[in-house]
Amino acid sequence: MSSELLITVNIAGQRLRLERDGEVLLDVAVSTAKNGPGEVSGSECTPRGRHYIRAKIGEGCAANTVFVGRRPTGELFSDALRAEHPKRDWILTRILWLCGLEQGHNRGGNLDTMRRYIYIHGCPDSDAMGVPSSHGCVKMRNSDMIELFNMVTVGTQVLIAEK
């Protein structure tokens, strides 16, 4: 019998867990949206509910690789680069692009997680974890992101819940 992986993101606790058959394989601090939970396009909120990983992006890229539009820019993040681009939303290292599974809640229309470009992704290691600060995505430390990325596959289920 095949066992399924499940990623759970707890918004209140700012934690991400990866489990297989109830066994915790990874439990790390994350950062979800500064604006809290919500599904509406343009809200910069983290969408709740059942999702799956639609695409894995960044396989083989160096830690701190900068992504814009899901493409590596050729840059590696540094404090100097941050100073040059202070308004950039830093998406680093790896991307797990999420797709909603609940029609009318996180899939379709102006509630569509995938069309909102909601990811689990790496961020500057100086960014605080355990504190909501993202533009809607789930941000992780780069080392945690690489570990998670290497353990999951396209299709892995993701549940984002307030508690």
N, C-alpha and C. Protein backbone atom coordinates (compact mmCIF):
# COMPACT_ATOMS: atom_id res chain seq x y z
N MET A 1 0.84 -1.18 0.00
CA MET A 1 0.00 0.00 0.00
C MET A 1 0.89 1.25 0.00
N SER A 2 0.60 2.17 -0.90
CA SER A 2 1.36 3.41 -1.02
C SER A 2 0.91 4.41 0.05
N SER A 3 1.85 5.09 0.66
CA SER A 3 1.49 6.10 1.66
C SER A 3 1.61 7.49 1.04
N GLU A 4 0.73 8.36 1.45
CA GLU A 4 0.65 9.70 0.89
C GLU A 4 1.34 10.71 1.81
N LEU A 5 2.03 11.65 1.19
CA LEU A 5 2.59 12.77 1.92
C LEU A 5 1.51 13.85 2.06
N LEU A 6 1.57 14.60 3.14
CA LEU A 6 0.67 15.73 3.35
C LEU A 6 1.47 16.87 3.98
N ILE A 7 1.38 18.04 3.36
CA ILE A 7 1.94 19.26 3.94
C ILE A 7 0.78 19.99 4.62
N THR A 8 0.99 20.39 5.86
CA THR A 8 0.00 21.19 6.59
C THR A 8 0.65 22.51 6.98
N VAL A 9 -0.01 23.61 6.63
CA VAL A 9 0.45 24.94 7.04
C VAL A 9 -0.54 25.46 8.07
N ASN A 10 -0.04 25.76 9.27
CA ASN A 10 -0.85 26.28 10.36
C ASN A 10 -0.60 27.79 10.42
N ILE A 11 -1.59 28.58 10.00
CA ILE A 11 -1.42 30.03 9.94
C ILE A 11 -1.25 30.62 11.33
N ALA A 12 -2.07 30.22 12.30
CA ALA A 12 -1.98 30.77 13.66
C ALA A 12 -0.61 30.47 14.28
N GLY A 13 -0.12 29.26 14.07
CA GLY A 13 1.15 28.86 14.66
C GLY A 13 2.36 29.19 13.80
N GLN A 14 2.12 29.63 12.54
CA GLN A 14 3.21 29.94 11.61
C GLN A 14 4.17 28.75 11.50
N ARG A 15 3.58 27.55 11.27
CA ARG A 15 4.36 26.32 11.14
C ARG A 15 3.95 25.57 9.88
N LEU A 16 4.90 24.86 9.32
CA LEU A 16 4.65 23.93 8.22
C LEU A 16 5.12 22.57 8.67
N ARG A 17 4.26 21.56 8.45
CA ARG A 17 4.60 20.18 8.77
C ARG A 17 4.45 19.32 7.53
N LEU A 18 5.37 18.42 7.34
CA LEU A 18 5.27 17.39 6.31
C LEU A 18 5.11 16.06 7.03
N GLU A 19 4.03 15.36 6.70
CA GLU A 19 3.74 14.08 7.35
C GLU A 19 3.49 12.99 6.32
N ARG A 20 3.79 11.77 6.74
CA ARG A 20 3.42 10.58 5.98
C ARG A 20 2.81 9.60 6.98
N ASP A 21 1.55 9.27 6.77
CA ASP A 21 0.83 8.32 7.64
C ASP A 21 0.95 8.71 9.12
N GLY A 22 0.82 10.00 9.41
CA GLY A 22 0.86 10.47 10.79
C GLY A 22 2.25 10.69 11.35
N GLU A 23 3.28 10.25 10.63
CA GLU A 23 4.65 10.46 11.09
C GLU A 23 5.14 11.81 10.58
N VAL A 24 5.63 12.64 11.49
CA VAL A 24 6.13 13.97 11.13
C VAL A 24 7.54 13.82 10.57
N LEU A 25 7.70 14.23 9.31
CA LEU A 25 9.00 14.16 8.64
C LEU A 25 9.75 15.49 8.69
N LEU A 26 8.98 16.58 8.80
CA LEU A 26 9.56 17.93 8.84
C LEU A 26 8.58 18.84 9.57
N ASP A 27 9.06 19.68 10.46
CA ASP A 27 8.22 20.64 11.19
C ASP A 27 9.06 21.90 11.36
N VAL A 28 8.70 22.96 10.63
CA VAL A 28 9.53 24.17 10.61
C VAL A 28 8.67 25.43 10.72
N ALA A 29 9.30 26.49 11.18
CA ALA A 29 8.66 27.80 11.22
C ALA A 29 8.59 28.37 9.81
N VAL A 30 7.50 29.06 9.52
CA VAL A 30 7.30 29.72 8.23
C VAL A 30 6.76 31.12 8.47
N SER A 31 6.53 31.83 7.38
CA SER A 31 5.88 33.13 7.45
C SER A 31 4.80 33.16 6.38
N THR A 32 3.55 33.37 6.81
CA THR A 32 2.44 33.51 5.88
C THR A 32 2.12 35.00 5.73
N ALA A 33 0.98 35.31 5.14
CA ALA A 33 0.67 36.69 4.76
C ALA A 33 0.54 37.66 5.93
N LYS A 34 1.15 38.80 5.73
CA LYS A 34 1.01 39.91 6.68
C LYS A 34 -0.46 40.31 6.81
N ASN A 35 -1.22 40.19 5.70
CA ASN A 35 -2.65 40.56 5.71
C ASN A 35 -3.56 39.45 6.23
N GLY A 36 -2.98 38.34 6.69
CA GLY A 36 -3.78 37.26 7.25
C GLY A 36 -4.32 36.32 6.18
N PRO A 37 -5.27 35.46 6.58
CA PRO A 37 -5.83 34.50 5.65
C PRO A 37 -6.90 35.12 4.76
N GLY A 38 -7.02 34.61 3.54
CA GLY A 38 -8.05 35.06 2.61
C GLY A 38 -7.77 34.56 1.22
N GLU A 39 -8.80 34.49 0.42
CA GLU A 39 -8.70 33.85 -0.88
C GLU A 39 -8.82 34.80 -2.07
N VAL A 40 -9.24 36.04 -1.86
CA VAL A 40 -9.56 36.93 -2.98
C VAL A 40 -8.28 37.44 -3.66
N SER A 41 -8.30 37.40 -4.98
CA SER A 41 -7.19 37.91 -5.79
C SER A 41 -6.92 39.37 -5.44
N GLY A 42 -5.65 39.72 -5.29
CA GLY A 42 -5.26 41.08 -4.97
C GLY A 42 -5.25 41.40 -3.48
N SER A 43 -5.69 40.47 -2.65
CA SER A 43 -5.79 40.72 -1.20
C SER A 43 -4.45 40.60 -0.48
N GLU A 44 -3.48 39.95 -1.11
CA GLU A 44 -2.20 39.63 -0.48
C GLU A 44 -2.40 38.86 0.83
N CYS A 45 -3.40 37.96 0.81
CA CYS A 45 -3.68 37.07 1.93
C CYS A 45 -3.29 35.65 1.56
N THR A 46 -3.06 34.82 2.57
CA THR A 46 -2.75 33.41 2.34
C THR A 46 -4.06 32.63 2.20
N PRO A 47 -4.22 31.91 1.07
CA PRO A 47 -5.47 31.17 0.86
C PRO A 47 -5.54 29.91 1.71
N ARG A 48 -6.73 29.67 2.25
CA ARG A 48 -6.96 28.50 3.09
C ARG A 48 -7.52 27.35 2.26
N GLY A 49 -7.51 26.18 2.87
CA GLY A 49 -8.15 25.02 2.28
C GLY A 49 -7.18 24.02 1.67
N ARG A 50 -7.76 23.10 0.90
CA ARG A 50 -7.01 22.00 0.31
C ARG A 50 -6.40 22.43 -1.02
N HIS A 51 -5.14 22.15 -1.18
CA HIS A 51 -4.37 22.47 -2.38
C HIS A 51 -3.51 21.27 -2.75
N TYR A 52 -2.81 21.38 -3.88
CA TYR A 52 -1.79 20.42 -4.23
C TYR A 52 -0.64 21.16 -4.91
N ILE A 53 0.52 20.54 -4.93
CA ILE A 53 1.67 21.13 -5.60
C ILE A 53 1.49 20.92 -7.09
N ARG A 54 1.34 22.02 -7.83
CA ARG A 54 1.15 22.00 -9.28
C ARG A 54 2.48 21.87 -10.01
N ALA A 55 3.51 22.55 -9.48
CA ALA A 55 4.82 22.54 -10.13
C ALA A 55 5.91 22.74 -9.08
N LYS A 56 7.04 22.09 -9.34
CA LYS A 56 8.26 22.28 -8.56
C LYS A 56 9.24 23.01 -9.46
N ILE A 57 9.72 24.15 -8.97
CA ILE A 57 10.58 25.01 -9.78
C ILE A 57 11.88 25.28 -9.03
N GLY A 58 13.01 25.13 -9.74
CA GLY A 58 14.30 25.47 -9.15
C GLY A 58 15.21 24.30 -8.86
N GLU A 59 14.81 23.12 -9.29
CA GLU A 59 15.65 21.93 -9.08
C GLU A 59 17.08 22.22 -9.53
N GLY A 60 18.04 21.97 -8.66
CA GLY A 60 19.45 22.14 -9.02
C GLY A 60 19.98 23.55 -8.90
N CYS A 61 19.13 24.53 -8.65
CA CYS A 61 19.61 25.91 -8.48
C CYS A 61 20.33 26.04 -7.14
N ALA A 62 21.26 26.97 -7.09
CA ALA A 62 21.98 27.23 -5.84
C ALA A 62 21.04 27.84 -4.81
N ALA A 63 21.34 27.63 -3.54
CA ALA A 63 20.61 28.33 -2.48
C ALA A 63 20.77 29.82 -2.73
N ASN A 64 19.73 30.58 -2.47
CA ASN A 64 19.68 32.03 -2.65
C ASN A 64 19.53 32.47 -4.10
N THR A 65 19.28 31.54 -5.03
CA THR A 65 18.96 31.93 -6.40
C THR A 65 17.71 32.80 -6.37
N VAL A 66 17.75 33.92 -7.07
CA VAL A 66 16.62 34.85 -7.13
C VAL A 66 15.72 34.46 -8.30
N PHE A 67 14.40 34.41 -8.03
CA PHE A 67 13.40 34.13 -9.06
C PHE A 67 12.50 35.34 -9.25
N VAL A 68 12.19 35.65 -10.50
CA VAL A 68 11.18 36.64 -10.85
C VAL A 68 10.33 36.00 -11.94
N GLY A 69 9.02 36.00 -11.74
CA GLY A 69 8.15 35.34 -12.71
C GLY A 69 8.45 33.86 -12.84
N ARG A 70 8.85 33.21 -11.74
CA ARG A 70 9.18 31.79 -11.69
C ARG A 70 10.41 31.41 -12.50
N ARG A 71 11.21 32.39 -12.87
CA ARG A 71 12.44 32.14 -13.64
C ARG A 71 13.64 32.66 -12.85
N PRO A 72 14.74 31.90 -12.84
CA PRO A 72 15.95 32.41 -12.18
C PRO A 72 16.48 33.63 -12.94
N THR A 73 16.85 34.66 -12.20
CA THR A 73 17.34 35.90 -12.82
C THR A 73 18.83 35.85 -13.11
N GLY A 74 19.53 34.86 -12.58
CA GLY A 74 20.99 34.82 -12.69
C GLY A 74 21.65 35.46 -11.48
N GLU A 75 20.85 36.03 -10.58
CA GLU A 75 21.37 36.68 -9.37
C GLU A 75 21.33 35.70 -8.20
N LEU A 76 22.22 35.92 -7.24
CA LEU A 76 22.15 35.28 -5.94
C LEU A 76 21.88 36.37 -4.93
N PHE A 77 20.93 36.11 -4.03
CA PHE A 77 20.56 37.12 -3.04
C PHE A 77 21.74 37.49 -2.16
N SER A 78 21.85 38.78 -1.86
CA SER A 78 22.84 39.31 -0.91
C SER A 78 22.25 40.57 -0.29
N ASP A 79 22.83 41.00 0.80
CA ASP A 79 22.37 42.26 1.42
C ASP A 79 22.56 43.43 0.45
N ALA A 80 23.62 43.40 -0.34
CA ALA A 80 23.87 44.47 -1.32
C ALA A 80 22.77 44.48 -2.39
N LEU A 81 22.38 43.30 -2.84
CA LEU A 81 21.31 43.22 -3.84
C LEU A 81 19.99 43.71 -3.25
N ARG A 82 19.73 43.37 -1.99
CA ARG A 82 18.51 43.86 -1.32
C ARG A 82 18.54 45.38 -1.25
N ALA A 83 19.68 45.96 -0.96
CA ALA A 83 19.80 47.42 -0.89
C ALA A 83 19.55 48.07 -2.25
N GLU A 84 19.97 47.40 -3.33
CA GLU A 84 19.73 47.91 -4.69
C GLU A 84 18.27 47.84 -5.09
N HIS A 85 17.54 46.86 -4.55
CA HIS A 85 16.14 46.61 -4.93
C HIS A 85 15.28 46.49 -3.66
N PRO A 86 15.10 47.58 -2.92
CA PRO A 86 14.44 47.49 -1.61
C PRO A 86 12.96 47.09 -1.67
N LYS A 87 12.30 47.24 -2.80
CA LYS A 87 10.87 46.92 -2.88
C LYS A 87 10.58 45.54 -3.47
N ARG A 88 11.61 44.81 -3.83
CA ARG A 88 11.42 43.50 -4.46
C ARG A 88 10.87 42.49 -3.45
N ASP A 89 9.93 41.67 -3.89
CA ASP A 89 9.43 40.55 -3.09
C ASP A 89 10.36 39.37 -3.36
N TRP A 90 11.21 39.05 -2.42
CA TRP A 90 12.28 38.09 -2.64
C TRP A 90 11.77 36.66 -2.62
N ILE A 91 11.82 36.02 -3.77
CA ILE A 91 11.47 34.61 -3.94
C ILE A 91 12.76 33.91 -4.31
N LEU A 92 13.23 33.06 -3.39
CA LEU A 92 14.57 32.49 -3.50
C LEU A 92 14.57 30.96 -3.49
N THR A 93 15.61 30.39 -4.05
CA THR A 93 16.07 29.01 -3.89
C THR A 93 15.20 27.96 -4.59
N ARG A 94 13.94 27.83 -4.20
CA ARG A 94 13.00 26.86 -4.78
C ARG A 94 11.59 27.42 -4.68
N ILE A 95 10.70 26.92 -5.57
CA ILE A 95 9.29 27.30 -5.57
C ILE A 95 8.44 26.05 -5.68
N LEU A 96 7.45 25.94 -4.81
CA LEU A 96 6.39 24.94 -4.94
C LEU A 96 5.12 25.73 -5.24
N TRP A 97 4.65 25.67 -6.49
CA TRP A 97 3.49 26.45 -6.95
C TRP A 97 2.23 25.67 -6.59
N LEU A 98 1.32 26.32 -5.86
CA LEU A 98 0.13 25.66 -5.36
C LEU A 98 -1.08 25.88 -6.26
N CYS A 99 -1.95 24.88 -6.28
CA CYS A 99 -3.22 24.94 -7.01
C CYS A 99 -4.32 24.52 -6.04
N GLY A 100 -5.39 25.31 -5.97
CA GLY A 100 -6.51 24.98 -5.09
C GLY A 100 -7.30 23.78 -5.59
N LEU A 101 -7.93 23.10 -4.65
CA LEU A 101 -8.75 21.93 -4.96
C LEU A 101 -10.24 22.16 -4.69
N GLU A 102 -10.59 23.33 -4.15
CA GLU A 102 -11.96 23.58 -3.73
C GLU A 102 -12.61 24.64 -4.62
N GLN A 103 -13.40 24.17 -5.60
CA GLN A 103 -14.08 25.08 -6.52
C GLN A 103 -14.90 26.10 -5.74
N GLY A 104 -14.76 27.38 -6.10
CA GLY A 104 -15.51 28.44 -5.44
C GLY A 104 -14.93 28.88 -4.11
N HIS A 105 -13.86 28.23 -3.66
CA HIS A 105 -13.20 28.65 -2.42
C HIS A 105 -11.75 29.06 -2.69
N ASN A 106 -10.98 28.18 -3.35
CA ASN A 106 -9.59 28.51 -3.69
C ASN A 106 -9.27 28.10 -5.12
N ARG A 107 -10.32 27.81 -5.89
CA ARG A 107 -10.16 27.43 -7.29
C ARG A 107 -11.27 28.09 -8.11
N GLY A 108 -10.85 28.77 -9.17
CA GLY A 108 -11.81 29.41 -10.06
C GLY A 108 -12.04 30.88 -9.73
N GLY A 109 -12.38 31.63 -10.77
CA GLY A 109 -12.73 33.05 -10.61
C GLY A 109 -11.64 33.85 -9.93
N ASN A 110 -12.06 34.80 -9.09
CA ASN A 110 -11.08 35.67 -8.42
C ASN A 110 -10.60 35.07 -7.09
N LEU A 111 -10.84 33.76 -6.91
CA LEU A 111 -10.40 33.06 -5.70
C LEU A 111 -9.35 32.00 -6.01
N ASP A 112 -8.80 32.01 -7.21
CA ASP A 112 -7.97 30.92 -7.69
C ASP A 112 -6.52 31.04 -7.20
N THR A 113 -6.12 30.11 -6.34
CA THR A 113 -4.78 30.11 -5.76
C THR A 113 -3.70 30.09 -6.84
N MET A 114 -3.86 29.24 -7.84
CA MET A 114 -2.84 29.13 -8.88
C MET A 114 -2.71 30.44 -9.65
N ARG A 115 -3.83 31.03 -10.05
CA ARG A 115 -3.79 32.29 -10.80
C ARG A 115 -3.29 33.45 -9.95
N ARG A 116 -3.34 33.29 -8.63
CA ARG A 116 -2.80 34.31 -7.72
C ARG A 116 -1.29 34.12 -7.54
N TYR A 117 -0.73 33.08 -8.12
CA TYR A 117 0.71 32.78 -8.00
C TYR A 117 1.12 32.62 -6.54
N ILE A 118 0.38 31.75 -5.86
CA ILE A 118 0.70 31.45 -4.45
C ILE A 118 1.65 30.27 -4.41
N TYR A 119 2.77 30.47 -3.72
CA TYR A 119 3.83 29.48 -3.64
C TYR A 119 4.21 29.20 -2.19
N ILE A 120 4.91 28.09 -1.99
CA ILE A 120 5.78 27.88 -0.85
C ILE A 120 7.17 28.13 -1.43
N HIS A 121 7.92 29.06 -0.85
CA HIS A 121 9.21 29.42 -1.44
C HIS A 121 10.22 29.85 -0.39
N GLY A 122 11.48 29.83 -0.80
CA GLY A 122 12.55 30.32 0.06
C GLY A 122 12.56 31.84 0.09
N CYS A 123 13.19 32.38 1.12
CA CYS A 123 13.28 33.84 1.30
C CYS A 123 14.62 34.16 1.95
N PRO A 124 14.98 35.44 2.02
CA PRO A 124 16.24 35.78 2.69
C PRO A 124 16.29 35.21 4.11
N ASP A 125 17.41 34.62 4.47
CA ASP A 125 17.53 34.02 5.79
C ASP A 125 17.43 35.04 6.92
N SER A 126 17.58 36.32 6.59
CA SER A 126 17.42 37.36 7.61
C SER A 126 15.96 37.71 7.87
N ASP A 127 15.03 37.26 7.00
CA ASP A 127 13.60 37.48 7.23
C ASP A 127 13.15 36.67 8.44
N ALA A 128 12.34 37.27 9.28
CA ALA A 128 11.84 36.58 10.48
C ALA A 128 10.87 35.47 10.10
N MET A 129 11.02 34.33 10.73
CA MET A 129 10.06 33.23 10.59
C MET A 129 9.19 33.22 11.85
N GLY A 130 8.00 32.65 11.72
CA GLY A 130 7.08 32.62 12.87
C GLY A 130 6.27 33.89 13.01
N VAL A 131 6.43 34.80 12.05
CA VAL A 131 5.74 36.09 12.05
C VAL A 131 5.14 36.31 10.66
N PRO A 132 3.85 36.60 10.57
CA PRO A 132 3.26 36.84 9.25
C PRO A 132 3.90 38.07 8.59
N SER A 133 4.44 37.88 7.36
CA SER A 133 5.09 39.02 6.69
C SER A 133 5.07 38.93 5.18
N SER A 134 4.48 37.85 4.62
CA SER A 134 4.53 37.67 3.17
C SER A 134 3.42 38.44 2.46
N HIS A 135 3.47 38.38 1.13
CA HIS A 135 2.43 38.99 0.29
C HIS A 135 1.35 37.97 -0.07
N GLY A 136 1.27 36.86 0.65
CA GLY A 136 0.27 35.83 0.42
C GLY A 136 0.85 34.43 0.37
N CYS A 137 2.11 34.33 0.00
CA CYS A 137 2.78 33.03 -0.09
C CYS A 137 3.18 32.52 1.29
N VAL A 138 3.73 31.31 1.30
CA VAL A 138 4.30 30.72 2.51
C VAL A 138 5.81 30.76 2.33
N LYS A 139 6.48 31.59 3.14
CA LYS A 139 7.94 31.75 3.04
C LYS A 139 8.62 30.83 4.04
N MET A 140 9.79 30.29 3.61
CA MET A 140 10.58 29.40 4.45
C MET A 140 12.05 29.77 4.38
N ARG A 141 12.80 29.35 5.39
CA ARG A 141 14.26 29.45 5.34
C ARG A 141 14.74 28.61 4.15
N ASN A 142 15.83 29.03 3.53
CA ASN A 142 16.33 28.35 2.33
C ASN A 142 16.70 26.89 2.58
N SER A 143 17.35 26.60 3.69
CA SER A 143 17.73 25.21 3.97
C SER A 143 16.49 24.34 4.18
N ASP A 144 15.47 24.88 4.86
CA ASP A 144 14.21 24.15 5.05
C ASP A 144 13.51 23.95 3.71
N MET A 145 13.57 24.97 2.85
CA MET A 145 12.92 24.89 1.54
C MET A 145 13.54 23.79 0.69
N ILE A 146 14.86 23.72 0.69
CA ILE A 146 15.55 22.68 -0.08
C ILE A 146 15.18 21.30 0.45
N GLU A 147 15.15 21.14 1.77
CA GLU A 147 14.79 19.85 2.37
C GLU A 147 13.38 19.45 1.98
N LEU A 148 12.41 20.37 2.10
CA LEU A 148 11.03 20.08 1.73
C LEU A 148 10.92 19.75 0.25
N PHE A 149 11.53 20.57 -0.59
CA PHE A 149 11.49 20.39 -2.04
C PHE A 149 11.96 18.98 -2.43
N ASN A 150 13.01 18.51 -1.78
CA ASN A 150 13.58 17.20 -2.10
C ASN A 150 12.72 16.04 -1.60
N MET A 151 11.77 16.30 -0.71
CA MET A 151 10.95 15.24 -0.13
C MET A 151 9.58 15.10 -0.79
N VAL A 152 9.14 16.11 -1.54
CA VAL A 152 7.78 16.09 -2.10
C VAL A 152 7.81 15.94 -3.62
N THR A 153 6.65 15.66 -4.17
CA THR A 153 6.50 15.53 -5.62
C THR A 153 5.36 16.41 -6.09
N VAL A 154 5.30 16.65 -7.39
CA VAL A 154 4.13 17.30 -7.96
C VAL A 154 2.94 16.43 -7.60
N GLY A 155 1.87 17.04 -7.14
CA GLY A 155 0.68 16.32 -6.72
C GLY A 155 0.56 16.16 -5.22
N THR A 156 1.65 16.40 -4.47
CA THR A 156 1.57 16.30 -3.00
C THR A 156 0.49 17.25 -2.50
N GLN A 157 -0.35 16.75 -1.59
CA GLN A 157 -1.45 17.53 -1.03
C GLN A 157 -0.92 18.55 -0.01
N VAL A 158 -1.56 19.71 0.01
CA VAL A 158 -1.21 20.78 0.94
C VAL A 158 -2.49 21.30 1.57
N LEU A 159 -2.56 21.30 2.89
CA LEU A 159 -3.71 21.85 3.61
C LEU A 159 -3.25 23.10 4.34
N ILE A 160 -3.89 24.23 4.02
CA ILE A 160 -3.58 25.48 4.71
C ILE A 160 -4.77 25.82 5.59
N ALA A 161 -4.53 25.86 6.90
CA ALA A 161 -5.60 26.07 7.87
C ALA A 161 -5.21 27.18 8.85
N GLU A 162 -6.24 27.81 9.42
CA GLU A 162 -5.96 28.90 10.37
C GLU A 162 -5.36 28.37 11.66
N LYS A 163 -5.70 27.15 12.06
CA LYS A 163 -5.15 26.55 13.30
C LYS A 163 -4.56 25.20 13.01
